[in-house]
Amino acid sequence: MSVLDIPLRKALQLFYASPKVRRKILKEDIRLDLQKESGSSRSQGGDFYQPFWSDVKIHMSGQGDISELTEQRIKANKGCARLYPLLKGGILDLINKKLRWSNEPLEILPQSAHGVLEFEDLGGVIRIKDALYARVRGEYTRVVYPYFSEDPALPEEGGRLGLWAMQMALKSFNPDDMRLIDPLRKRFFSPQVSPLQGDEEVVFRKHYGTLIDDRERMSHE
């Protein structure tokens, strides 16, 4: 991850993280950049949350059970033992009580829900990758993107900023179908539940510009 080319979920985490957490993440980002410049790989390994998100898709398409899949992940990697069960509980709560997909035929569509949001004046790119794209009962579709960060919880403003970014980056999808979920808090954001107020671009730019400035300043410390 570099703040100049960053996943939406990571950008949202950094927007609202405490100064201590934000500084720690940015310092690691700088360290990895220096490592890359020295000829080493910048990679930190695979995305910790990607296997879980893959299992969510399997569960929601009816091809597996998230509880069993989570147990298998934990057996294979003990590092998942604390967070994966919490994420599983949040996902099941969202599906059964809030997204209202329980007992409804769900088809995970093959079209990729990927997109980028470029800020040329800031020199940065926000990426949305691997959002779940599904059709329910053959009648309506949903584009679901997860916010997985344990700290901080995503505030209402952050939910609206995330929805706005999704709508801007995923132009080929219906903006009303966008859903941003925070499984650890069992919360979701939608244009209907958290309607945009019209200032999302200004606020997003302010947060992102400050993040880039902080990272640049810290690189010279």
C-alpha atoms as a PDB file:
ATOM      1  CA  MET A   1       0.000   0.000   0.000  1.00  0.00           C
ATOM      2  CA  SER A   2       1.089   3.543  -0.752  1.00  0.00           C
ATOM      3  CA  VAL A   3      -1.142   6.484   0.095  1.00  0.00           C
ATOM      4  CA  LEU A   4      -0.715   7.601  -3.527  1.00  0.00           C
ATOM      5  CA  ASP A   5      -2.251   4.320  -4.720  1.00  0.00           C
ATOM      6  CA  ILE A   6      -4.461   3.017  -1.941  1.00  0.00           C
ATOM      7  CA  PRO A   7      -7.530   0.792  -1.489  1.00  0.00           C
ATOM      8  CA  LEU A   8     -10.664   2.673  -0.465  1.00  0.00           C
ATOM      9  CA  ARG A   9     -11.022   0.727   2.788  1.00  0.00           C
ATOM     10  CA  LYS A  10      -7.471   1.648   3.832  1.00  0.00           C
ATOM     11  CA  ALA A  11      -7.982   5.293   2.915  1.00  0.00           C
ATOM     12  CA  LEU A  12     -11.130   5.429   5.056  1.00  0.00           C
ATOM     13  CA  GLN A  13      -9.277   3.837   7.968  1.00  0.00           C
ATOM     14  CA  LEU A  14      -6.512   6.447   7.750  1.00  0.00           C
ATOM     15  CA  PHE A  15      -8.989   9.319   7.420  1.00  0.00           C
ATOM     16  CA  TYR A  16     -10.446   8.543  10.854  1.00  0.00           C
ATOM     17  CA  ALA A  17      -7.625   6.761  12.684  1.00  0.00           C
ATOM     18  CA  SER A  18      -6.209   8.248  15.859  1.00  0.00           C
ATOM     19  CA  PRO A  19      -2.973  10.229  15.375  1.00  0.00           C
ATOM     20  CA  LYS A  20      -1.007   7.350  16.920  1.00  0.00           C
ATOM     21  CA  VAL A  21      -2.464   4.661  14.651  1.00  0.00           C
ATOM     22  CA  ARG A  22      -2.248   6.905  11.585  1.00  0.00           C
ATOM     23  CA  ARG A  23       1.409   7.698  12.261  1.00  0.00           C
ATOM     24  CA  LYS A  24       2.251   4.017  12.745  1.00  0.00           C
ATOM     25  CA  ILE A  25       0.652   3.036   9.420  1.00  0.00           C
ATOM     26  CA  LEU A  26       2.276   5.891   7.512  1.00  0.00           C
ATOM     27  CA  LYS A  27       5.694   5.128   8.994  1.00  0.00           C
ATOM     28  CA  GLU A  28       5.362   1.534   7.814  1.00  0.00           C
ATOM     29  CA  ASP A  29       4.346   2.786   4.368  1.00  0.00           C
ATOM     30  CA  ILE A  30       7.483   4.924   4.219  1.00  0.00           C
ATOM     31  CA  ARG A  31       9.669   2.022   5.392  1.00  0.00           C
ATOM     32  CA  LEU A  32       8.320  -0.205   2.636  1.00  0.00           C
ATOM     33  CA  ASP A  33       8.933   2.464   0.011  1.00  0.00           C
ATOM     34  CA  LEU A  34      12.560   2.768   1.133  1.00  0.00           C
ATOM     35  CA  GLN A  35      12.819  -1.012   1.042  1.00  0.00           C
ATOM     36  CA  LYS A  36      11.574  -1.013  -2.549  1.00  0.00           C
ATOM     37  CA  GLU A  37      14.023   1.719  -3.542  1.00  0.00           C
ATOM     38  CA  SER A  38      16.849  -0.426  -2.197  1.00  0.00           C
ATOM     39  CA  GLY A  39      15.854  -3.205  -4.581  1.00  0.00           C
ATOM     40  CA  SER A  40      13.781  -5.366  -2.252  1.00  0.00           C
ATOM     41  CA  SER A  41      10.123  -6.239  -2.598  1.00  0.00           C
ATOM     42  CA  ARG A  42       7.526  -3.910  -1.101  1.00  0.00           C
ATOM     43  CA  SER A  43       5.113  -6.774  -0.577  1.00  0.00           C
ATOM     44  CA  GLN A  44       3.945  -7.655   2.930  1.00  0.00           C
ATOM     45  CA  GLY A  45       2.367 -10.905   1.788  1.00  0.00           C
ATOM     46  CA  GLY A  46      -1.269 -11.527   0.962  1.00  0.00           C
ATOM     47  CA  ASP A  47      -4.239  -9.480   2.104  1.00  0.00           C
ATOM     48  CA  PHE A  48      -5.259 -10.790   5.543  1.00  0.00           C
ATOM     49  CA  TYR A  49      -8.953 -10.255   4.803  1.00  0.00           C
ATOM     50  CA  GLN A  50      -9.109 -11.509   1.204  1.00  0.00           C
ATOM     51  CA  PRO A  51      -9.629 -15.211   2.062  1.00  0.00           C
ATOM     52  CA  PHE A  52     -12.479 -14.309   4.392  1.00  0.00           C
ATOM     53  CA  TRP A  53     -14.130 -12.142   1.712  1.00  0.00           C
ATOM     54  CA  SER A  54     -13.817 -14.992  -0.781  1.00  0.00           C
ATOM     55  CA  ASP A  55     -15.599 -17.254   1.699  1.00  0.00           C
ATOM     56  CA  VAL A  56     -18.364 -14.661   2.139  1.00  0.00           C
ATOM     57  CA  LYS A  57     -19.028 -14.836  -1.594  1.00  0.00           C
ATOM     58  CA  ILE A  58     -19.118 -18.639  -1.470  1.00  0.00           C
ATOM     59  CA  HIS A  59     -21.575 -18.513   1.437  1.00  0.00           C
ATOM     60  CA  MET A  60     -23.844 -15.936  -0.167  1.00  0.00           C
ATOM     61  CA  SER A  61     -23.996 -17.873  -3.424  1.00  0.00           C
ATOM     62  CA  GLY A  62     -25.135 -20.986  -1.523  1.00  0.00           C
ATOM     63  CA  GLN A  63     -22.036 -23.001  -2.397  1.00  0.00           C
ATOM     64  CA  GLY A  64     -20.707 -23.261   1.149  1.00  0.00           C
ATOM     65  CA  ASP A  65     -21.269 -22.317   4.771  1.00  0.00           C
ATOM     66  CA  ILE A  66     -19.365 -19.380   6.235  1.00  0.00           C
ATOM     67  CA  SER A  67     -19.112 -21.018   9.673  1.00  0.00           C
ATOM     68  CA  GLU A  68     -17.457 -24.142   8.270  1.00  0.00           C
ATOM     69  CA  LEU A  69     -15.277 -22.123   5.915  1.00  0.00           C
ATOM     70  CA  THR A  70     -14.108 -19.899   8.778  1.00  0.00           C
ATOM     71  CA  GLU A  71     -13.173 -22.923  10.863  1.00  0.00           C
ATOM     72  CA  GLN A  72     -11.103 -24.246   7.970  1.00  0.00           C
ATOM     73  CA  ARG A  73      -9.301 -20.909   7.597  1.00  0.00           C
ATOM     74  CA  ILE A  74      -8.443 -20.859  11.298  1.00  0.00           C
ATOM     75  CA  LYS A  75      -7.106 -24.419  11.192  1.00  0.00           C
ATOM     76  CA  ALA A  76      -4.878 -23.415   8.291  1.00  0.00           C
ATOM     77  CA  ASN A  77      -3.779 -20.121   9.865  1.00  0.00           C
ATOM     78  CA  LYS A  78      -4.006 -19.574  13.619  1.00  0.00           C
ATOM     79  CA  GLY A  79      -3.465 -15.869  13.020  1.00  0.00           C
ATOM     80  CA  CYS A  80      -7.107 -15.685  11.904  1.00  0.00           C
ATOM     81  CA  ALA A  81      -8.439 -17.111  15.171  1.00  0.00           C
ATOM     82  CA  ARG A  82      -9.400 -13.823  16.809  1.00  0.00           C
ATOM     83  CA  LEU A  83     -10.797 -11.654  14.018  1.00  0.00           C
ATOM     84  CA  TYR A  84     -12.333 -14.136  11.573  1.00  0.00           C
ATOM     85  CA  PRO A  85     -15.035 -15.351  14.012  1.00  0.00           C
ATOM     86  CA  LEU A  86     -15.950 -11.738  14.789  1.00  0.00           C
ATOM     87  CA  LEU A  87     -16.176 -10.940  11.090  1.00  0.00           C
ATOM     88  CA  LYS A  88     -18.259 -14.063  10.502  1.00  0.00           C
ATOM     89  CA  GLY A  89     -20.738 -13.031  13.188  1.00  0.00           C
ATOM     90  CA  GLY A  90     -21.018  -9.567  11.723  1.00  0.00           C
ATOM     91  CA  ILE A  91     -21.566 -10.859   8.205  1.00  0.00           C
ATOM     92  CA  LEU A  92     -24.274 -13.290   9.312  1.00  0.00           C
ATOM     93  CA  ASP A  93     -26.029 -10.512  11.229  1.00  0.00           C
ATOM     94  CA  LEU A  94     -25.925  -8.207   8.209  1.00  0.00           C
ATOM     95  CA  ILE A  95     -27.205 -10.873   5.841  1.00  0.00           C
ATOM     96  CA  ASN A  96     -30.002 -12.102   8.071  1.00  0.00           C
ATOM     97  CA  LYS A  97     -31.240  -8.851   9.608  1.00  0.00           C
ATOM     98  CA  LYS A  98     -30.198  -5.867   7.541  1.00  0.00           C
ATOM     99  CA  LEU A  99     -29.322  -6.722   3.973  1.00  0.00           C
ATOM    100  CA  ARG A 100     -32.347  -9.063   3.994  1.00  0.00           C
ATOM    101  CA  TRP A 101     -30.828 -11.689   1.737  1.00  0.00           C
ATOM    102  CA  SER A 102     -31.706 -14.672   3.899  1.00  0.00           C
ATOM    103  CA  ASN A 103     -33.593 -17.418   2.074  1.00  0.00           C
ATOM    104  CA  GLU A 104     -33.419 -15.494  -1.204  1.00  0.00           C
ATOM    105  CA  PRO A 105     -31.713 -16.938  -4.286  1.00  0.00           C
ATOM    106  CA  LEU A 106     -28.478 -15.032  -4.771  1.00  0.00           C
ATOM    107  CA  GLU A 107     -26.352 -15.122  -7.893  1.00  0.00           C
ATOM    108  CA  ILE A 108     -22.806 -13.810  -7.709  1.00  0.00           C
ATOM    109  CA  LEU A 109     -22.373 -12.204 -11.119  1.00  0.00           C
ATOM    110  CA  PRO A 110     -19.189 -12.783 -13.149  1.00  0.00           C
ATOM    111  CA  GLN A 111     -18.661  -9.117 -14.006  1.00  0.00           C
ATOM    112  CA  SER A 112     -15.832  -7.675 -11.928  1.00  0.00           C
ATOM    113  CA  ALA A 113     -16.728  -4.791  -9.647  1.00  0.00           C
ATOM    114  CA  HIS A 114     -13.399  -2.995  -9.801  1.00  0.00           C
ATOM    115  CA  GLY A 115     -12.713   0.689 -10.296  1.00  0.00           C
ATOM    116  CA  VAL A 116     -10.365   3.590  -9.623  1.00  0.00           C
ATOM    117  CA  LEU A 117     -10.934   7.149  -8.505  1.00  0.00           C
ATOM    118  CA  GLU A 118      -8.117   9.435  -9.644  1.00  0.00           C
ATOM    119  CA  PHE A 119      -7.176  12.738  -8.049  1.00  0.00           C
ATOM    120  CA  GLU A 120      -4.746  14.137 -10.620  1.00  0.00           C
ATOM    121  CA  ASP A 121      -4.201  17.398  -8.740  1.00  0.00           C
ATOM    122  CA  LEU A 122      -3.243  15.475  -5.607  1.00  0.00           C
ATOM    123  CA  GLY A 123      -1.268  12.828  -7.474  1.00  0.00           C
ATOM    124  CA  GLY A 124      -3.229  10.015  -5.873  1.00  0.00           C
ATOM    125  CA  VAL A 125      -5.464   7.105  -6.827  1.00  0.00           C
ATOM    126  CA  ILE A 126      -8.136   5.392  -4.736  1.00  0.00           C
ATOM    127  CA  ARG A 127      -8.820   1.802  -5.751  1.00  0.00           C
ATOM    128  CA  ILE A 128     -11.927  -0.321  -5.291  1.00  0.00           C
ATOM    129  CA  LYS A 129     -11.196  -3.977  -5.910  1.00  0.00           C
ATOM    130  CA  ASP A 130     -13.181  -7.160  -5.633  1.00  0.00           C
ATOM    131  CA  ALA A 131     -16.504  -5.682  -4.563  1.00  0.00           C
ATOM    132  CA  LEU A 132     -19.228  -8.316  -4.436  1.00  0.00           C
ATOM    133  CA  TYR A 133     -21.654  -7.961  -7.362  1.00  0.00           C
ATOM    134  CA  ALA A 134     -24.815  -9.988  -6.966  1.00  0.00           C
ATOM    135  CA  ARG A 135     -28.315 -10.390  -8.352  1.00  0.00           C
ATOM    136  CA  VAL A 136     -31.102 -11.193  -5.908  1.00  0.00           C
ATOM    137  CA  ARG A 137     -34.152 -13.203  -7.043  1.00  0.00           C
ATOM    138  CA  GLY A 138     -33.263 -12.182 -10.581  1.00  0.00           C
ATOM    139  CA  GLU A 139     -34.915  -8.840  -9.816  1.00  0.00           C
ATOM    140  CA  TYR A 140     -32.307  -6.416  -8.446  1.00  0.00           C
ATOM    141  CA  THR A 141     -28.564  -6.146  -7.997  1.00  0.00           C
ATOM    142  CA  ARG A 142     -26.209  -5.106  -5.222  1.00  0.00           C
ATOM    143  CA  VAL A 143     -22.591  -3.967  -5.227  1.00  0.00           C
ATOM    144  CA  VAL A 144     -21.099  -4.600  -1.778  1.00  0.00           C
ATOM    145  CA  TYR A 145     -17.698  -3.365  -0.611  1.00  0.00           C
ATOM    146  CA  PRO A 146     -16.297  -4.230   2.836  1.00  0.00           C
ATOM    147  CA  TYR A 147     -14.615  -2.008   5.400  1.00  0.00           C
ATOM    148  CA  PHE A 148     -12.687  -4.461   7.562  1.00  0.00           C
ATOM    149  CA  SER A 149     -10.587  -2.246   9.829  1.00  0.00           C
ATOM    150  CA  GLU A 150     -10.708  -3.048  13.523  1.00  0.00           C
ATOM    151  CA  ASP A 151      -9.705   0.497  14.455  1.00  0.00           C
ATOM    152  CA  PRO A 152     -11.439   2.859  13.978  1.00  0.00           C
ATOM    153  CA  ALA A 153     -15.116   2.166  13.475  1.00  0.00           C
ATOM    154  CA  LEU A 154     -16.389   3.868  10.338  1.00  0.00           C
ATOM    155  CA  PRO A 155     -18.409   6.985  11.263  1.00  0.00           C
ATOM    156  CA  GLU A 156     -21.489   8.193   9.420  1.00  0.00           C
ATOM    157  CA  GLU A 157     -19.435  10.702   7.428  1.00  0.00           C
ATOM    158  CA  GLY A 158     -17.006   7.952   6.457  1.00  0.00           C
ATOM    159  CA  GLY A 159     -19.887   5.806   5.234  1.00  0.00           C
ATOM    160  CA  ARG A 160     -21.096   8.614   3.004  1.00  0.00           C
ATOM    161  CA  LEU A 161     -17.588   9.270   1.692  1.00  0.00           C
ATOM    162  CA  GLY A 162     -17.202   5.580   0.927  1.00  0.00           C
ATOM    163  CA  LEU A 163     -20.496   5.468  -0.957  1.00  0.00           C
ATOM    164  CA  TRP A 164     -19.551   8.570  -2.930  1.00  0.00           C
ATOM    165  CA  ALA A 165     -16.183   7.057  -3.866  1.00  0.00           C
ATOM    166  CA  MET A 166     -17.879   3.825  -4.940  1.00  0.00           C
ATOM    167  CA  GLN A 167     -20.317   5.715  -7.131  1.00  0.00           C
ATOM    168  CA  MET A 168     -17.513   7.724  -8.742  1.00  0.00           C
ATOM    169  CA  ALA A 169     -15.207   4.743  -9.313  1.00  0.00           C
ATOM    170  CA  LEU A 170     -17.830   2.185 -10.389  1.00  0.00           C
ATOM    171  CA  LYS A 171     -19.538   4.192 -13.101  1.00  0.00           C
ATOM    172  CA  SER A 172     -20.937   1.175 -14.940  1.00  0.00           C
ATOM    173  CA  PHE A 173     -23.051   0.170 -11.920  1.00  0.00           C
ATOM    174  CA  ASN A 174     -26.263   1.648 -10.567  1.00  0.00           C
ATOM    175  CA  PRO A 175     -25.324   4.098  -7.772  1.00  0.00           C
ATOM    176  CA  ASP A 176     -28.443   3.133  -5.816  1.00  0.00           C
ATOM    177  CA  ASP A 177     -27.171  -0.463  -5.633  1.00  0.00           C
ATOM    178  CA  MET A 178     -24.046   0.482  -3.671  1.00  0.00           C
ATOM    179  CA  ARG A 179     -23.588  -0.923  -0.170  1.00  0.00           C
ATOM    180  CA  LEU A 180     -20.621  -0.306   2.129  1.00  0.00           C
ATOM    181  CA  ILE A 181     -20.481  -2.720   5.047  1.00  0.00           C
ATOM    182  CA  ASP A 182     -18.594  -2.677   8.365  1.00  0.00           C
ATOM    183  CA  PRO A 183     -18.932  -6.300   9.570  1.00  0.00           C
ATOM    184  CA  LEU A 184     -17.170  -5.822  12.890  1.00  0.00           C
ATOM    185  CA  ARG A 185     -19.790  -3.247  13.890  1.00  0.00           C
ATOM    186  CA  LYS A 186     -22.614  -5.103  12.088  1.00  0.00           C
ATOM    187  CA  ARG A 187     -23.379  -1.920  10.190  1.00  0.00           C
ATOM    188  CA  PHE A 188     -24.031  -1.051   6.591  1.00  0.00           C
ATOM    189  CA  PHE A 189     -24.322   2.158   4.599  1.00  0.00           C
ATOM    190  CA  SER A 190     -26.496   2.691   1.533  1.00  0.00           C
ATOM    191  CA  PRO A 191     -27.719   5.725  -0.412  1.00  0.00           C
ATOM    192  CA  GLN A 192     -31.121   5.164   1.160  1.00  0.00           C
ATOM    193  CA  VAL A 193     -29.941   4.804   4.779  1.00  0.00           C
ATOM    194  CA  SER A 194     -27.114   7.369   4.562  1.00  0.00           C
ATOM    195  CA  PRO A 195     -28.088   9.763   1.746  1.00  0.00           C
ATOM    196  CA  LEU A 196     -25.282  11.856   0.312  1.00  0.00           C
ATOM    197  CA  GLN A 197     -25.305  15.494   1.376  1.00  0.00           C
ATOM    198  CA  GLY A 198     -23.553  16.955  -1.662  1.00  0.00           C
ATOM    199  CA  ASP A 199     -20.265  17.874   0.026  1.00  0.00           C
ATOM    200  CA  GLU A 200     -18.681  14.420  -0.169  1.00  0.00           C
ATOM    201  CA  GLU A 201     -16.141  15.298  -2.858  1.00  0.00           C
ATOM    202  CA  VAL A 202     -14.938  18.373  -0.960  1.00  0.00           C
ATOM    203  CA  VAL A 203     -14.645  16.468   2.318  1.00  0.00           C
ATOM    204  CA  PHE A 204     -12.977  13.454   0.682  1.00  0.00           C
ATOM    205  CA  ARG A 205     -10.428  15.694  -1.049  1.00  0.00           C
ATOM    206  CA  LYS A 206      -9.685  17.475   2.220  1.00  0.00           C
ATOM    207  CA  HIS A 207      -9.054  14.218   4.077  1.00  0.00           C
ATOM    208  CA  TYR A 208      -7.021  12.709   1.257  1.00  0.00           C
ATOM    209  CA  GLY A 209      -4.940  15.834   0.699  1.00  0.00           C
ATOM    210  CA  THR A 210      -4.117  15.996   4.412  1.00  0.00           C
ATOM    211  CA  LEU A 211      -3.167  12.323   4.388  1.00  0.00           C
ATOM    212  CA  ILE A 212      -0.780  12.834   1.463  1.00  0.00           C
ATOM    213  CA  ASP A 213       0.732  15.927   3.122  1.00  0.00           C
ATOM    214  CA  ASP A 214       1.246  14.044   6.401  1.00  0.00           C
ATOM    215  CA  ARG A 215       2.944  11.199   4.627  1.00  0.00           C
ATOM    216  CA  GLU A 216       5.237  13.579   2.733  1.00  0.00           C
ATOM    217  CA  ARG A 217       6.158  15.458   5.894  1.00  0.00           C
ATOM    218  CA  MET A 218       6.895  12.260   7.791  1.00  0.00           C
ATOM    219  CA  SER A 219       9.131  10.993   4.984  1.00  0.00           C
ATOM    220  CA  HIS A 220      11.535  13.842   5.775  1.00  0.00           C
ATOM    221  CA  GLU A 221      11.623  13.304   9.531  1.00  0.00           C
END
